[in-house]
Amino acid sequence: MRVTWPRRPDSLDRRVRLAVAAFDSISVPLSIDLTGSGDARLPISETFVSLQGEGKLAGVPSWFVRLSGCNLRCGWCDTPYASWKPDGSARSIDDLVAEARGAAEKGVRHAVLTGGEPMMFRGLCELSTRLAAPVAEGGAGMHLTIETAGTVIPADDRWALACDLMSISPKLSSSTPRNDPRDPDGVWAIRHEERRLNMPALRSLVDRWAGGGRGGVQLKFVICRVADIAEIETLIAGLPELPASDVLLMPEGATPPTEGTKRMLTELCVSRGWRYCPRLHIELFGNTRGT
């Protein structure tokens, strides 16, 4: 039985809304500092316990914390409440760690930091290290996955970031919201296209987490069309240290993929040594928030 602890305030408080608005107005990724008061707080859209739906740890019971705010606007985004219209409230790191410890006491040993784009926010390093630290040291003792688009690295002490699995989802050109009714003036289409790939940041993350004792890395690519494959091959050619087995192909969509899509992705994975990445949460729960 799936256990949930819903934490979904209706709207972001004023300080968080201003910070997200400031981030949205710039043309290059930066970090947002919500810790000026000395009380570390992060904009949180929701927290919940469910099964990890994607990647190498699919099926593993996990505690999720979704940060609200994103530097991108994917046309097919399945969490618009953390990007297109970010909601939530500012929560303290102490509060989040306490909730994570409660989940761990019920047998959930994996935590997932997701978004939005969690790497945007100062305080992420502190949250990650606290979640990973042993309970005896005031932490939650969790195995930690961070889900990111790979365009931003934390502005605070980036290599103090605790992470067992760095889950990176680089955005292909098919993600750009062209002619999207949520973007009538095309502003976000331009911003998204400018920001969606940051190869220095991506290389930095892969170099740090692909082996070398830092845990592991996976690159998940959302496949919308056959042309996406050529983009993926060009991108990973710039990451020669990345094993083929760390490249995952994931069908796009809010419903389970067709048999034709699954067959196409299976053939691609077999021929290139990549992995097929089902979206388990879509199969189990549908496109439902908090899963």
Protein backbone atom coordinates (compact mmCIF):
# COMPACT_ATOMS: atom_id res chain seq x y z
CA MET A 1 0.00 0.00 0.00
CA ARG A 2 1.33 3.42 -0.93
CA VAL A 3 1.82 5.76 2.01
CA THR A 4 1.67 9.52 1.50
CA TRP A 5 2.21 12.57 3.66
CA PRO A 6 0.67 15.33 1.50
CA ARG A 7 2.20 18.76 1.94
CA ARG A 8 0.67 20.91 -0.79
CA PRO A 9 0.02 24.50 0.22
CA ASP A 10 -2.12 26.36 -2.26
CA SER A 11 0.37 29.08 -3.13
CA LEU A 12 3.95 30.12 -2.64
CA ASP A 13 4.55 32.63 0.11
CA ARG A 14 5.57 36.13 -0.98
CA ARG A 15 9.31 35.69 -0.45
CA VAL A 16 9.43 32.51 -2.54
CA ARG A 17 7.27 33.97 -5.30
CA LEU A 18 9.58 36.99 -5.58
CA ALA A 19 12.66 34.76 -5.70
CA VAL A 20 11.21 32.56 -8.43
CA ALA A 21 10.11 35.62 -10.39
CA ALA A 22 13.63 37.06 -10.14
CA PHE A 23 15.08 33.82 -11.46
CA ASP A 24 12.60 33.70 -14.33
CA SER A 25 13.54 37.21 -15.44
CA ILE A 26 17.21 36.47 -16.12
CA SER A 27 18.68 35.04 -19.30
CA VAL A 28 21.20 32.63 -17.76
CA PRO A 29 20.83 30.16 -14.90
CA LEU A 30 21.68 31.44 -11.44
CA SER A 31 20.94 30.22 -7.94
CA ILE A 32 18.28 31.70 -5.71
CA ASP A 33 19.22 32.46 -2.11
CA LEU A 34 16.33 31.98 0.31
CA THR A 35 18.63 31.76 3.33
CA GLY A 36 19.41 35.42 3.98
CA SER A 37 17.67 35.31 7.34
CA GLY A 38 20.04 32.61 8.57
CA ASP A 39 17.12 30.17 8.74
CA ALA A 40 17.61 27.90 5.73
CA ARG A 41 14.31 27.54 3.89
CA LEU A 42 13.50 26.10 0.49
CA PRO A 43 10.42 26.49 -1.77
CA ILE A 44 8.66 23.13 -1.64
CA SER A 45 5.80 22.15 -3.90
CA GLU A 46 5.10 18.77 -2.32
CA THR A 47 6.53 15.85 -0.38
CA PHE A 48 5.27 12.30 -0.55
CA VAL A 49 6.20 8.63 -0.30
CA SER A 50 5.76 6.43 -3.36
CA LEU A 51 7.71 4.08 -5.60
CA GLN A 52 10.49 5.57 -7.69
CA GLY A 53 8.99 5.53 -11.18
CA GLU A 54 12.03 6.10 -13.38
CA GLY A 55 15.64 5.11 -13.84
CA LYS A 56 17.94 2.53 -12.29
CA LEU A 57 16.02 2.52 -9.00
CA ALA A 58 12.53 2.14 -10.51
CA GLY A 59 10.25 0.35 -8.08
CA VAL A 60 12.17 1.31 -4.93
CA PRO A 61 10.04 2.87 -2.14
CA SER A 62 11.22 6.47 -1.80
CA TRP A 63 10.50 9.73 0.00
CA PHE A 64 10.23 12.56 -2.53
CA VAL A 65 10.69 16.27 -1.95
CA ARG A 66 9.79 18.42 -4.95
CA LEU A 67 11.33 21.89 -5.02
CA SER A 68 9.18 24.52 -6.69
CA GLY A 69 10.72 26.66 -9.44
CA CYS A 70 12.55 25.90 -12.67
CA ASN A 71 14.83 27.68 -15.12
CA LEU A 72 13.23 25.78 -18.02
CA ARG A 73 9.72 25.33 -19.39
CA CYS A 74 9.40 22.02 -21.23
CA GLY A 75 6.37 21.85 -23.48
CA TRP A 76 5.63 18.34 -22.22
CA CYS A 77 6.42 19.05 -18.54
CA ASP A 78 4.45 16.67 -16.30
CA THR A 79 4.91 18.80 -13.16
CA PRO A 80 3.74 22.27 -14.27
CA TYR A 81 2.98 23.15 -10.64
CA ALA A 82 6.76 23.24 -10.09
CA SER A 83 7.65 25.06 -13.32
CA TRP A 84 5.00 26.82 -15.41
CA LYS A 85 2.96 27.83 -12.34
CA PRO A 86 5.10 27.02 -9.30
CA ASP A 87 3.19 26.55 -6.08
CA GLY A 88 4.08 25.50 -2.54
CA SER A 89 5.59 27.19 0.49
CA ALA A 90 8.96 27.86 2.09
CA ARG A 91 9.89 25.05 4.48
CA SER A 92 12.88 24.78 6.77
CA ILE A 93 15.55 22.17 6.27
CA ASP A 94 14.97 21.01 9.86
CA ASP A 95 11.31 20.37 9.01
CA LEU A 96 12.16 18.43 5.86
CA VAL A 97 14.78 16.30 7.61
CA ALA A 98 12.31 15.50 10.39
CA GLU A 99 9.76 14.34 7.82
CA ALA A 100 12.39 12.24 6.05
CA ARG A 101 13.33 10.60 9.34
CA GLY A 102 9.68 9.77 9.89
CA ALA A 103 9.58 8.04 6.51
CA ALA A 104 12.82 6.17 7.30
CA GLU A 105 11.34 4.92 10.55
CA LYS A 106 8.56 3.35 8.47
CA GLY A 107 11.13 1.53 6.33
CA VAL A 108 11.66 4.01 3.47
CA ARG A 109 15.43 4.33 3.02
CA HIS A 110 15.67 6.26 -0.26
CA ALA A 111 15.12 9.99 -0.73
CA VAL A 112 14.68 11.81 -4.04
CA LEU A 113 15.29 15.55 -4.48
CA THR A 114 13.40 16.63 -7.57
CA GLY A 115 11.61 19.61 -9.07
CA GLY A 116 11.32 21.87 -10.92
CA GLU A 117 15.06 22.25 -10.85
CA PRO A 118 16.49 21.55 -7.38
CA MET A 119 19.99 22.69 -8.34
CA MET A 120 18.74 26.29 -8.60
CA PHE A 121 18.49 26.79 -4.88
CA ARG A 122 21.01 27.67 -2.24
CA GLY A 123 20.44 25.37 0.70
CA LEU A 124 20.35 22.27 -1.51
CA CYS A 125 23.81 21.19 -0.34
CA GLU A 126 22.81 21.51 3.31
CA LEU A 127 19.56 19.63 2.73
CA SER A 128 21.32 16.83 0.85
CA THR A 129 24.05 16.37 3.44
CA ARG A 130 21.51 16.36 6.27
CA LEU A 131 19.34 13.76 4.52
CA ALA A 132 22.36 11.54 3.86
CA ALA A 133 23.95 11.90 7.32
CA PRO A 134 23.40 9.14 9.89
CA VAL A 135 20.49 9.57 12.28
CA ALA A 136 22.97 9.62 15.17
CA GLU A 137 24.48 12.76 13.63
CA GLY A 138 21.14 14.54 13.21
CA GLY A 139 20.46 13.32 9.68
CA ALA A 140 17.99 10.92 8.11
CA GLY A 141 20.42 8.23 6.94
CA MET A 142 18.89 8.12 3.45
CA HIS A 143 20.26 6.90 0.11
CA LEU A 144 19.91 10.05 -2.01
CA THR A 145 18.98 10.63 -5.65
CA ILE A 146 19.02 14.15 -7.13
CA GLU A 147 16.98 14.69 -10.30
CA THR A 148 18.19 17.59 -12.46
CA ALA A 149 18.27 18.80 -16.05
CA GLY A 150 22.02 19.30 -15.70
CA THR A 151 22.01 23.00 -16.62
CA VAL A 152 22.88 24.38 -13.16
CA ILE A 153 25.31 23.40 -10.44
CA PRO A 154 24.82 24.68 -6.89
CA ALA A 155 26.28 28.08 -6.13
CA ASP A 156 27.11 27.09 -2.56
CA ASP A 157 29.87 24.56 -1.90
CA ARG A 158 28.93 22.43 -4.89
CA TRP A 159 31.08 19.44 -4.07
CA ALA A 160 29.72 19.25 -0.54
CA LEU A 161 26.56 18.09 -2.28
CA ALA A 162 25.60 14.62 -1.02
CA CYS A 163 24.26 12.35 -3.74
CA ASP A 164 24.33 8.60 -4.32
CA LEU A 165 22.72 8.74 -7.76
CA MET A 166 22.92 11.86 -9.91
CA SER A 167 19.93 11.53 -12.23
CA ILE A 168 20.32 13.95 -15.14
CA SER A 169 17.66 14.55 -17.79
CA PRO A 170 19.18 16.72 -20.54
CA LYS A 171 16.53 18.51 -22.56
CA LEU A 172 16.46 17.96 -26.30
CA SER A 173 15.12 20.46 -28.83
CA SER A 174 11.76 18.67 -28.83
CA SER A 175 11.23 19.95 -25.27
CA THR A 176 11.12 23.63 -26.33
CA PRO A 177 7.56 25.01 -25.91
CA ARG A 178 7.00 26.27 -29.44
CA ASN A 179 3.52 27.74 -30.07
CA ASP A 180 2.54 26.88 -26.52
CA PRO A 181 -0.62 28.69 -25.31
CA ARG A 182 1.04 29.14 -21.89
CA ASP A 183 3.71 31.24 -23.65
CA PRO A 184 1.72 33.49 -26.02
CA ASP A 185 4.61 35.91 -26.61
CA GLY A 186 7.20 33.16 -27.13
CA VAL A 187 9.40 34.48 -24.30
CA TRP A 188 9.80 31.11 -22.64
CA ALA A 189 10.47 29.37 -25.94
CA ILE A 190 13.49 31.65 -26.38
CA ARG A 191 14.67 31.30 -22.76
CA HIS A 192 14.23 27.54 -22.77
CA GLU A 193 16.14 27.09 -26.01
CA GLU A 194 18.99 29.25 -24.67
CA ARG A 195 19.19 27.36 -21.37
CA ARG A 196 18.24 23.76 -22.06
CA LEU A 197 21.81 22.55 -22.57
CA ASN A 198 24.82 23.68 -20.57
CA MET A 199 27.61 21.33 -21.59
CA PRO A 200 30.20 22.63 -19.06
CA ALA A 201 27.75 22.03 -16.21
CA LEU A 202 26.73 18.66 -17.63
CA ARG A 203 30.35 17.53 -18.03
CA SER A 204 31.13 18.69 -14.51
CA LEU A 205 28.31 16.61 -13.04
CA VAL A 206 29.12 13.53 -15.13
CA ASP A 207 32.85 13.79 -14.34
CA ARG A 208 32.07 13.95 -10.64
CA TRP A 209 29.48 11.20 -10.38
CA ALA A 210 30.37 8.73 -13.16
CA GLY A 211 32.45 6.40 -10.99
CA GLY A 212 35.23 7.85 -8.88
CA GLY A 213 33.57 6.91 -5.63
CA ARG A 214 30.81 9.55 -5.77
CA GLY A 215 27.99 7.11 -6.28
CA GLY A 216 26.66 6.93 -9.79
CA VAL A 217 25.06 8.81 -12.65
CA GLN A 218 22.29 8.22 -15.15
CA LEU A 219 21.29 10.32 -18.16
CA LYS A 220 17.55 9.99 -18.87
CA PHE A 221 16.36 11.23 -22.25
CA VAL A 222 12.69 11.83 -22.96
CA ILE A 223 11.97 10.58 -26.48
CA CYS A 224 9.31 12.45 -28.44
CA ARG A 225 10.37 11.69 -32.01
CA VAL A 226 12.88 9.67 -34.03
CA ALA A 227 15.00 12.79 -34.63
CA ASP A 228 15.77 12.87 -30.90
CA ILE A 229 18.15 9.94 -31.32
CA ALA A 230 20.63 11.89 -33.44
CA GLU A 231 20.64 14.66 -30.81
CA ILE A 232 21.36 12.14 -28.08
CA GLU A 233 24.26 10.62 -30.00
CA THR A 234 25.76 14.07 -30.60
CA LEU A 235 25.40 15.01 -26.95
CA ILE A 236 26.91 11.84 -25.47
CA ALA A 237 29.78 12.04 -27.95
CA GLY A 238 30.85 15.04 -25.85
CA LEU A 239 30.83 12.84 -22.73
CA PRO A 240 33.27 10.06 -23.69
CA GLU A 241 33.70 8.97 -20.06
CA LEU A 242 30.01 8.07 -19.79
CA PRO A 243 29.30 4.32 -20.13
CA ALA A 244 26.56 3.40 -22.59
CA SER A 245 24.75 1.60 -19.76
CA ASP A 246 24.23 4.96 -18.02
CA VAL A 247 22.15 6.27 -20.96
CA LEU A 248 18.42 5.67 -20.50
CA LEU A 249 15.63 6.21 -23.03
CA MET A 250 12.22 7.14 -21.65
CA PRO A 251 8.99 7.49 -23.67
CA GLU A 252 7.30 10.88 -23.41
CA GLY A 253 3.67 11.05 -22.43
CA ALA A 254 1.14 11.21 -19.63
CA THR A 255 -0.17 7.76 -20.56
CA PRO A 256 1.61 4.40 -21.03
CA PRO A 257 3.50 4.19 -24.35
CA THR A 258 2.17 2.36 -27.37
CA GLU A 259 3.52 -1.04 -28.34
CA GLY A 260 5.19 0.61 -31.35
CA THR A 261 7.01 3.12 -29.16
CA LYS A 262 8.19 0.43 -26.76
CA ARG A 263 9.42 -1.71 -29.64
CA MET A 264 11.32 1.21 -31.21
CA LEU A 265 13.02 2.14 -27.93
CA THR A 266 13.84 -1.50 -27.18
CA GLU A 267 15.56 -1.91 -30.53
CA LEU A 268 17.55 1.29 -30.01
CA CYS A 269 18.69 0.20 -26.56
CA VAL A 270 19.73 -3.27 -27.74
CA SER A 271 21.71 -1.88 -30.69
CA ARG A 272 23.55 0.78 -28.67
CA GLY A 273 23.91 -0.74 -25.22
CA TRP A 274 21.56 1.85 -23.69
CA ARG A 275 18.77 1.12 -21.19
CA TYR A 276 15.02 1.25 -21.66
CA CYS A 277 13.48 3.38 -18.91
CA PRO A 278 9.78 2.69 -18.26
CA ARG A 279 7.71 5.26 -16.40
CA LEU A 280 6.44 2.95 -13.70
CA HIS A 281 4.43 5.60 -11.86
CA ILE A 282 2.43 6.34 -15.04
CA GLU A 283 1.63 2.63 -15.44
CA LEU A 284 0.65 2.25 -11.78
CA PHE A 285 -1.07 5.54 -10.93
CA GLY A 286 -1.56 7.47 -14.17
CA ASN A 287 -0.53 11.10 -14.46
CA THR A 288 -1.40 11.79 -10.82
CA ARG A 289 0.25 14.29 -8.53
CA GLY A 290 1.98 12.89 -5.46
CA THR A 291 3.03 9.62 -7.08
